[in-house]
Amino acid sequence: MSAMHRLLSLPTSLPRVLQEWPVTAQRAARRNAMIALTACAERRRDRDDVREFFAERATATTTAEDAGSDIPAPPTRHA
């Protein structure tokens, strides 16, 4: 479509664009919300995995200490 043809069709296409705007805006907002929800779910899953890992480590360390085992404690990091 040439630039002149687009320019001439602008007055007829403008009402259609304005009429369709709320629908396209709603679709974009819904898509953005779905993307954000997916990112939040991934972060929550990662947080839960880390929490579970540390809980297992704490249980294993406590069990080893209670048993009088010679298993060394995990090293600590100093900032």
PDB file of N, CA and C in Angstrom:
ATOM      1  N   MET A   1       0.856  -1.153   0.000  1.00  0.00           N
ATOM      2  CA  MET A   1       0.000   0.000   0.000  1.00  0.00           C
ATOM      3  C   MET A   1       0.911   1.226   0.000  1.00  0.00           C
ATOM      4  N   SER A   2       0.655   2.137  -0.899  1.00  0.00           N
ATOM      5  CA  SER A   2       1.489   3.330  -1.009  1.00  0.00           C
ATOM      6  C   SER A   2       1.177   4.297   0.125  1.00  0.00           C
ATOM      7  N   ALA A   3       2.091   5.244   0.329  1.00  0.00           N
ATOM      8  CA  ALA A   3       1.908   6.232   1.391  1.00  0.00           C
ATOM      9  C   ALA A   3       0.687   7.102   1.099  1.00  0.00           C
ATOM     10  N   MET A   4       0.452   7.415  -0.161  1.00  0.00           N
ATOM     11  CA  MET A   4      -0.691   8.259  -0.531  1.00  0.00           C
ATOM     12  C   MET A   4      -2.003   7.523  -0.258  1.00  0.00           C
ATOM     13  N   HIS A   5      -2.027   6.226  -0.572  1.00  0.00           N
ATOM     14  CA  HIS A   5      -3.234   5.438  -0.342  1.00  0.00           C
ATOM     15  C   HIS A   5      -3.544   5.352   1.160  1.00  0.00           C
ATOM     16  N   ARG A   6      -2.487   5.169   1.980  1.00  0.00           N
ATOM     17  CA  ARG A   6      -2.682   5.138   3.433  1.00  0.00           C
ATOM     18  C   ARG A   6      -3.174   6.479   3.945  1.00  0.00           C
ATOM     19  N   LEU A   7      -2.644   7.547   3.395  1.00  0.00           N
ATOM     20  CA  LEU A   7      -3.058   8.887   3.811  1.00  0.00           C
ATOM     21  C   LEU A   7      -4.521   9.130   3.462  1.00  0.00           C
ATOM     22  N   LEU A   8      -4.937   8.666   2.276  1.00  0.00           N
ATOM     23  CA  LEU A   8      -6.326   8.857   1.871  1.00  0.00           C
ATOM     24  C   LEU A   8      -7.280   7.963   2.660  1.00  0.00           C
ATOM     25  N   SER A   9      -6.815   6.817   3.091  1.00  0.00           N
ATOM     26  CA  SER A   9      -7.694   5.914   3.822  1.00  0.00           C
ATOM     27  C   SER A   9      -7.715   6.214   5.326  1.00  0.00           C
ATOM     28  N   LEU A  10      -6.896   7.151   5.783  1.00  0.00           N
ATOM     29  CA  LEU A  10      -6.829   7.472   7.204  1.00  0.00           C
ATOM     30  C   LEU A  10      -8.172   7.911   7.778  1.00  0.00           C
ATOM     31  N   PRO A  11      -8.899   8.812   7.139  1.00  0.00           N
ATOM     32  CA  PRO A  11     -10.181   9.217   7.730  1.00  0.00           C
ATOM     33  C   PRO A  11     -11.173   8.064   7.869  1.00  0.00           C
ATOM     34  N   THR A  12     -11.119   7.074   6.995  1.00  0.00           N
ATOM     35  CA  THR A  12     -12.057   5.953   7.112  1.00  0.00           C
ATOM     36  C   THR A  12     -11.562   4.902   8.101  1.00  0.00           C
ATOM     37  N   SER A  13     -10.246   4.792   8.287  1.00  0.00           N
ATOM     38  CA  SER A  13      -9.724   3.774   9.193  1.00  0.00           C
ATOM     39  C   SER A  13      -9.617   4.281  10.630  1.00  0.00           C
ATOM     40  N   LEU A  14      -9.588   5.577  10.827  1.00  0.00           N
ATOM     41  CA  LEU A  14      -9.449   6.124  12.167  1.00  0.00           C
ATOM     42  C   LEU A  14     -10.600   5.720  13.094  1.00  0.00           C
ATOM     43  N   PRO A  15     -11.846   5.820  12.676  1.00  0.00           N
ATOM     44  CA  PRO A  15     -12.915   5.367  13.575  1.00  0.00           C
ATOM     45  C   PRO A  15     -12.809   3.884  13.939  1.00  0.00           C
ATOM     46  N   ARG A  16     -12.386   3.067  12.989  1.00  0.00           N
ATOM     47  CA  ARG A  16     -12.227   1.640  13.271  1.00  0.00           C
ATOM     48  C   ARG A  16     -11.118   1.428  14.296  1.00  0.00           C
ATOM     49  N   VAL A  17     -10.009   2.144  14.133  1.00  0.00           N
ATOM     50  CA  VAL A  17      -8.896   2.021  15.069  1.00  0.00           C
ATOM     51  C   VAL A  17      -9.331   2.457  16.461  1.00  0.00           C
ATOM     52  N   LEU A  18     -10.053   3.566  16.529  1.00  0.00           N
ATOM     53  CA  LEU A  18     -10.530   4.046  17.824  1.00  0.00           C
ATOM     54  C   LEU A  18     -11.530   3.080  18.453  1.00  0.00           C
ATOM     55  N   GLN A  19     -12.335   2.452  17.638  1.00  0.00           N
ATOM     56  CA  GLN A  19     -13.315   1.503  18.149  1.00  0.00           C
ATOM     57  C   GLN A  19     -12.639   0.222  18.641  1.00  0.00           C
ATOM     58  N   GLU A  20     -11.573  -0.191  17.983  1.00  0.00           N
ATOM     59  CA  GLU A  20     -10.877  -1.425  18.350  1.00  0.00           C
ATOM     60  C   GLU A  20      -9.877  -1.226  19.480  1.00  0.00           C
ATOM     61  N   TRP A  21      -9.540   0.020  19.787  1.00  0.00           N
ATOM     62  CA  TRP A  21      -8.512   0.289  20.790  1.00  0.00           C
ATOM     63  C   TRP A  21      -8.798  -0.361  22.147  1.00  0.00           C
ATOM     64  N   PRO A  22      -9.985  -0.246  22.712  1.00  0.00           N
ATOM     65  CA  PRO A  22     -10.200  -0.874  24.023  1.00  0.00           C
ATOM     66  C   PRO A  22      -9.973  -2.394  24.015  1.00  0.00           C
ATOM     67  N   VAL A  23     -10.348  -3.024  22.938  1.00  0.00           N
ATOM     68  CA  VAL A  23     -10.178  -4.480  22.847  1.00  0.00           C
ATOM     69  C   VAL A  23      -8.696  -4.836  22.786  1.00  0.00           C
ATOM     70  N   THR A  24      -7.941  -4.136  21.959  1.00  0.00           N
ATOM     71  CA  THR A  24      -6.509  -4.429  21.845  1.00  0.00           C
ATOM     72  C   THR A  24      -5.775  -4.074  23.136  1.00  0.00           C
ATOM     73  N   ALA A  25      -6.193  -2.991  23.787  1.00  0.00           N
ATOM     74  CA  ALA A  25      -5.563  -2.611  25.052  1.00  0.00           C
ATOM     75  C   ALA A  25      -5.844  -3.673  26.118  1.00  0.00           C
ATOM     76  N   GLN A  26      -7.059  -4.179  26.159  1.00  0.00           N
ATOM     77  CA  GLN A  26      -7.419  -5.226  27.126  1.00  0.00           C
ATOM     78  C   GLN A  26      -6.625  -6.498  26.871  1.00  0.00           C
ATOM     79  N   ARG A  27      -6.457  -6.860  25.623  1.00  0.00           N
ATOM     80  CA  ARG A  27      -5.679  -8.069  25.282  1.00  0.00           C
ATOM     81  C   ARG A  27      -4.226  -7.901  25.713  1.00  0.00           C
ATOM     82  N   ALA A  28      -3.671  -6.721  25.464  1.00  0.00           N
ATOM     83  CA  ALA A  28      -2.281  -6.470  25.857  1.00  0.00           C
ATOM     84  C   ALA A  28      -2.143  -6.514  27.381  1.00  0.00           C
ATOM     85  N   ALA A  29      -3.095  -5.923  28.086  1.00  0.00           N
ATOM     86  CA  ALA A  29      -3.051  -5.933  29.550  1.00  0.00           C
ATOM     87  C   ALA A  29      -3.168  -7.358  30.083  1.00  0.00           C
ATOM     88  N   ARG A  30      -4.026  -8.150  29.489  1.00  0.00           N
ATOM     89  CA  ARG A  30      -4.204  -9.540  29.914  1.00  0.00           C
ATOM     90  C   ARG A  30      -2.924 -10.343  29.672  1.00  0.00           C
ATOM     91  N   ARG A  31      -2.302 -10.111  28.526  1.00  0.00           N
ATOM     92  CA  ARG A  31      -1.047 -10.805  28.207  1.00  0.00           C
ATOM     93  C   ARG A  31       0.042 -10.412  29.204  1.00  0.00           C
ATOM     94  N   ASN A  32       0.155  -9.121  29.498  1.00  0.00           N
ATOM     95  CA  ASN A  32       1.151  -8.668  30.468  1.00  0.00           C
ATOM     96  C   ASN A  32       0.902  -9.285  31.841  1.00  0.00           C
ATOM     97  N   ALA A  33      -0.346  -9.380  32.236  1.00  0.00           N
ATOM     98  CA  ALA A  33      -0.682  -9.976  33.527  1.00  0.00           C
ATOM     99  C   ALA A  33      -0.309 -11.456  33.555  1.00  0.00           C
ATOM    100  N   MET A  34      -0.535 -12.161  32.471  1.00  0.00           N
ATOM    101  CA  MET A  34      -0.176 -13.582  32.410  1.00  0.00           C
ATOM    102  C   MET A  34       1.334 -13.764  32.504  1.00  0.00           C
ATOM    103  N   ILE A  35       2.077 -12.897  31.841  1.00  0.00           N
ATOM    104  CA  ILE A  35       3.542 -12.972  31.896  1.00  0.00           C
ATOM    105  C   ILE A  35       4.019 -12.699  33.322  1.00  0.00           C
ATOM    106  N   ALA A  36       3.444 -11.683  33.962  1.00  0.00           N
ATOM    107  CA  ALA A  36       3.827 -11.352  35.336  1.00  0.00           C
ATOM    108  C   ALA A  36       3.472 -12.493  36.285  1.00  0.00           C
ATOM    109  N   LEU A  37       2.325 -13.091  36.104  1.00  0.00           N
ATOM    110  CA  LEU A  37       1.908 -14.206  36.961  1.00  0.00           C
ATOM    111  C   LEU A  37       2.861 -15.394  36.820  1.00  0.00           C
ATOM    112  N   THR A  38       3.281 -15.666  35.607  1.00  0.00           N
ATOM    113  CA  THR A  38       4.233 -16.750  35.367  1.00  0.00           C
ATOM    114  C   THR A  38       5.559 -16.467  36.056  1.00  0.00           C
ATOM    115  N   ALA A  39       6.039 -15.226  35.953  1.00  0.00           N
ATOM    116  CA  ALA A  39       7.302 -14.859  36.607  1.00  0.00           C
ATOM    117  C   ALA A  39       7.185 -14.985  38.124  1.00  0.00           C
ATOM    118  N   CYS A  40       6.068 -14.552  38.682  1.00  0.00           N
ATOM    119  CA  CYS A  40       5.856 -14.665  40.137  1.00  0.00           C
ATOM    120  C   CYS A  40       5.803 -16.123  40.569  1.00  0.00           C
ATOM    121  N   ALA A  41       5.156 -16.955  39.796  1.00  0.00           N
ATOM    122  CA  ALA A  41       5.063 -18.375  40.125  1.00  0.00           C
ATOM    123  C   ALA A  41       6.443 -19.027  40.090  1.00  0.00           C
ATOM    124  N   GLU A  42       7.273 -18.648  39.120  1.00  0.00           N
ATOM    125  CA  GLU A  42       8.623 -19.206  39.033  1.00  0.00           C
ATOM    126  C   GLU A  42       9.452 -18.782  40.241  1.00  0.00           C
ATOM    127  N   ARG A  43       9.349 -17.506  40.635  1.00  0.00           N
ATOM    128  CA  ARG A  43      10.079 -17.030  41.803  1.00  0.00           C
ATOM    129  C   ARG A  43       9.612 -17.743  43.070  1.00  0.00           C
ATOM    130  N   ARG A  44       8.302 -17.928  43.198  1.00  0.00           N
ATOM    131  CA  ARG A  44       7.765 -18.605  44.369  1.00  0.00           C
ATOM    132  C   ARG A  44       8.277 -20.047  44.427  1.00  0.00           C
ATOM    133  N   ARG A  45       8.303 -20.724  43.286  1.00  0.00           N
ATOM    134  CA  ARG A  45       8.799 -22.091  43.235  1.00  0.00           C
ATOM    135  C   ARG A  45      10.281 -22.138  43.624  1.00  0.00           C
ATOM    136  N   ASP A  46      11.069 -21.185  43.116  1.00  0.00           N
ATOM    137  CA  ASP A  46      12.485 -21.132  43.465  1.00  0.00           C
ATOM    138  C   ASP A  46      12.675 -20.880  44.959  1.00  0.00           C
ATOM    139  N   ARG A  47      11.893 -19.948  45.520  1.00  0.00           N
ATOM    140  CA  ARG A  47      11.967 -19.653  46.947  1.00  0.00           C
ATOM    141  C   ARG A  47      11.632 -20.888  47.779  1.00  0.00           C
ATOM    142  N   ASP A  48      10.593 -21.600  47.368  1.00  0.00           N
ATOM    143  CA  ASP A  48      10.199 -22.812  48.088  1.00  0.00           C
ATOM    144  C   ASP A  48      11.282 -23.887  48.002  1.00  0.00           C
ATOM    145  N   ASP A  49      11.910 -24.006  46.830  1.00  0.00           N
ATOM    146  CA  ASP A  49      12.999 -24.981  46.677  1.00  0.00           C
ATOM    147  C   ASP A  49      14.164 -24.645  47.605  1.00  0.00           C
ATOM    148  N   VAL A  50      14.515 -23.374  47.678  1.00  0.00           N
ATOM    149  CA  VAL A  50      15.624 -22.962  48.538  1.00  0.00           C
ATOM    150  C   VAL A  50      15.265 -23.182  50.005  1.00  0.00           C
ATOM    151  N   ARG A  51      14.046 -22.816  50.389  1.00  0.00           N
ATOM    152  CA  ARG A  51      13.601 -23.018  51.771  1.00  0.00           C
ATOM    153  C   ARG A  51      13.642 -24.507  52.137  1.00  0.00           C
ATOM    154  N   GLU A  52      13.187 -25.350  51.219  1.00  0.00           N
ATOM    155  CA  GLU A  52      13.194 -26.793  51.459  1.00  0.00           C
ATOM    156  C   GLU A  52      14.621 -27.325  51.575  1.00  0.00           C
ATOM    157  N   PHE A  53      15.514 -26.834  50.717  1.00  0.00           N
ATOM    158  CA  PHE A  53      16.915 -27.260  50.756  1.00  0.00           C
ATOM    159  C   PHE A  53      17.538 -26.938  52.112  1.00  0.00           C
ATOM    160  N   PHE A  54      17.346 -25.690  52.580  1.00  0.00           N
ATOM    161  CA  PHE A  54      17.933 -25.299  53.850  1.00  0.00           C
ATOM    162  C   PHE A  54      17.291 -26.041  55.023  1.00  0.00           C
ATOM    163  N   ALA A  55      16.020 -26.324  54.922  1.00  0.00           N
ATOM    164  CA  ALA A  55      15.363 -27.096  55.983  1.00  0.00           C
ATOM    165  C   ALA A  55      15.942 -28.506  56.049  1.00  0.00           C
ATOM    166  N   GLU A  56      16.186 -29.115  54.908  1.00  0.00           N
ATOM    167  CA  GLU A  56      16.794 -30.449  54.880  1.00  0.00           C
ATOM    168  C   GLU A  56      18.215 -30.414  55.431  1.00  0.00           C
ATOM    169  N   ARG A  57      18.969 -29.360  55.077  1.00  0.00           N
ATOM    170  CA  ARG A  57      20.343 -29.225  55.579  1.00  0.00           C
ATOM    171  C   ARG A  57      20.339 -29.067  57.093  1.00  0.00           C
ATOM    172  N   ALA A  58      19.407 -28.252  57.603  1.00  0.00           N
ATOM    173  CA  ALA A  58      19.338 -28.036  59.049  1.00  0.00           C
ATOM    174  C   ALA A  58      18.984 -29.337  59.760  1.00  0.00           C
ATOM    175  N   THR A  59      18.071 -30.102  59.191  1.00  0.00           N
ATOM    176  CA  THR A  59      17.681 -31.379  59.786  1.00  0.00           C
ATOM    177  C   THR A  59      18.853 -32.358  59.756  1.00  0.00           C
ATOM    178  N   ALA A  60      19.562 -32.408  58.646  1.00  0.00           N
ATOM    179  CA  ALA A  60      20.702 -33.320  58.519  1.00  0.00           C
ATOM    180  C   ALA A  60      21.805 -32.932  59.487  1.00  0.00           C
ATOM    181  N   THR A  61      22.078 -31.647  59.648  1.00  0.00           N
ATOM    182  CA  THR A  61      23.119 -31.180  60.561  1.00  0.00           C
ATOM    183  C   THR A  61      22.730 -31.490  61.997  1.00  0.00           C
ATOM    184  N   THR A  62      21.477 -31.219  62.359  1.00  0.00           N
ATOM    185  CA  THR A  62      21.006 -31.499  63.714  1.00  0.00           C
ATOM    186  C   THR A  62      21.069 -32.988  64.001  1.00  0.00           C
ATOM    187  N   THR A  63      20.663 -33.819  63.065  1.00  0.00           N
ATOM    188  CA  THR A  63      20.683 -35.275  63.245  1.00  0.00           C
ATOM    189  C   THR A  63      22.110 -35.768  63.417  1.00  0.00           C
ATOM    190  N   ALA A  64      23.035 -35.244  62.622  1.00  0.00           N
ATOM    191  CA  ALA A  64      24.432 -35.665  62.710  1.00  0.00           C
ATOM    192  C   ALA A  64      25.025 -35.240  64.055  1.00  0.00           C
ATOM    193  N   GLU A  65      24.704 -34.049  64.532  1.00  0.00           N
ATOM    194  CA  GLU A  65      25.220 -33.578  65.816  1.00  0.00           C
ATOM    195  C   GLU A  65      24.627 -34.404  66.956  1.00  0.00           C
ATOM    196  N   ASP A  66      23.357 -34.743  66.859  1.00  0.00           N
ATOM    197  CA  ASP A  66      22.710 -35.542  67.896  1.00  0.00           C
ATOM    198  C   ASP A  66      23.297 -36.949  67.966  1.00  0.00           C
ATOM    199  N   ALA A  67      23.719 -37.461  66.840  1.00  0.00           N
ATOM    200  CA  ALA A  67      24.254 -38.820  66.792  1.00  0.00           C
ATOM    201  C   ALA A  67      25.723 -38.854  67.209  1.00  0.00           C
ATOM    202  N   GLY A  68      26.352 -37.684  67.399  1.00  0.00           N
ATOM    203  CA  GLY A  68      27.758 -37.647  67.780  1.00  0.00           C
ATOM    204  C   GLY A  68      28.668 -37.986  66.622  1.00  0.00           C
ATOM    205  N   SER A  69      28.195 -37.751  65.416  1.00  0.00           N
ATOM    206  CA  SER A  69      28.955 -38.077  64.217  1.00  0.00           C
ATOM    207  C   SER A  69      30.096 -37.092  64.022  1.00  0.00           C
ATOM    208  N   ASP A  70      31.087 -37.514  63.253  1.00  0.00           N
ATOM    209  CA  ASP A  70      32.206 -36.640  62.929  1.00  0.00           C
ATOM    210  C   ASP A  70      32.006 -35.904  61.619  1.00  0.00           C
ATOM    211  N   ILE A  71      30.777 -35.802  61.156  1.00  0.00           N
ATOM    212  CA  ILE A  71      30.498 -35.077  59.914  1.00  0.00           C
ATOM    213  C   ILE A  71      30.660 -33.588  60.208  1.00  0.00           C
ATOM    214  N   PRO A  72      31.566 -32.938  59.488  1.00  0.00           N
ATOM    215  CA  PRO A  72      31.790 -31.517  59.778  1.00  0.00           C
ATOM    216  C   PRO A  72      30.594 -30.663  59.357  1.00  0.00           C
ATOM    217  N   ALA A  73      30.401 -29.582  60.054  1.00  0.00           N
ATOM    218  CA  ALA A  73      29.333 -28.644  59.710  1.00  0.00           C
ATOM    219  C   ALA A  73      29.707 -27.927  58.425  1.00  0.00           C
ATOM    220  N   PRO A  74      28.735 -27.499  57.677  1.00  0.00           N
ATOM    221  CA  PRO A  74      29.052 -26.780  56.432  1.00  0.00           C
ATOM    222  C   PRO A  74      29.780 -25.479  56.751  1.00  0.00           C
ATOM    223  N   PRO A  75      30.701 -25.080  55.859  1.00  0.00           N
ATOM    224  CA  PRO A  75      31.458 -23.849  56.120  1.00  0.00           C
ATOM    225  C   PRO A  75      30.528 -22.636  56.111  1.00  0.00           C
ATOM    226  N   THR A  76      30.915 -21.662  56.901  1.00  0.00           N
ATOM    227  CA  THR A  76      30.132 -20.416  56.943  1.00  0.00           C
ATOM    228  C   THR A  76      30.881 -19.352  56.174  1.00  0.00           C
ATOM    229  N   ARG A  77      30.141 -18.481  55.565  1.00  0.00           N
ATOM    230  CA  ARG A  77      30.732 -17.379  54.806  1.00  0.00           C
ATOM    231  C   ARG A  77      30.698 -16.136  55.677  1.00  0.00           C
ATOM    232  N   HIS A  78      31.780 -15.448  55.687  1.00  0.00           N
ATOM    233  CA  HIS A  78      31.842 -14.189  56.414  1.00  0.00           C
ATOM    234  C   HIS A  78      31.915 -13.061  55.413  1.00  0.00           C
ATOM    235  N   ALA A  79      31.083 -12.071  55.606  1.00  0.00           N
ATOM    236  CA  ALA A  79      31.024 -10.942  54.661  1.00  0.00           C
ATOM    237  C   ALA A  79      32.148  -9.970  54.913  1.00  0.00           C
TER     238      ALA A  79
END
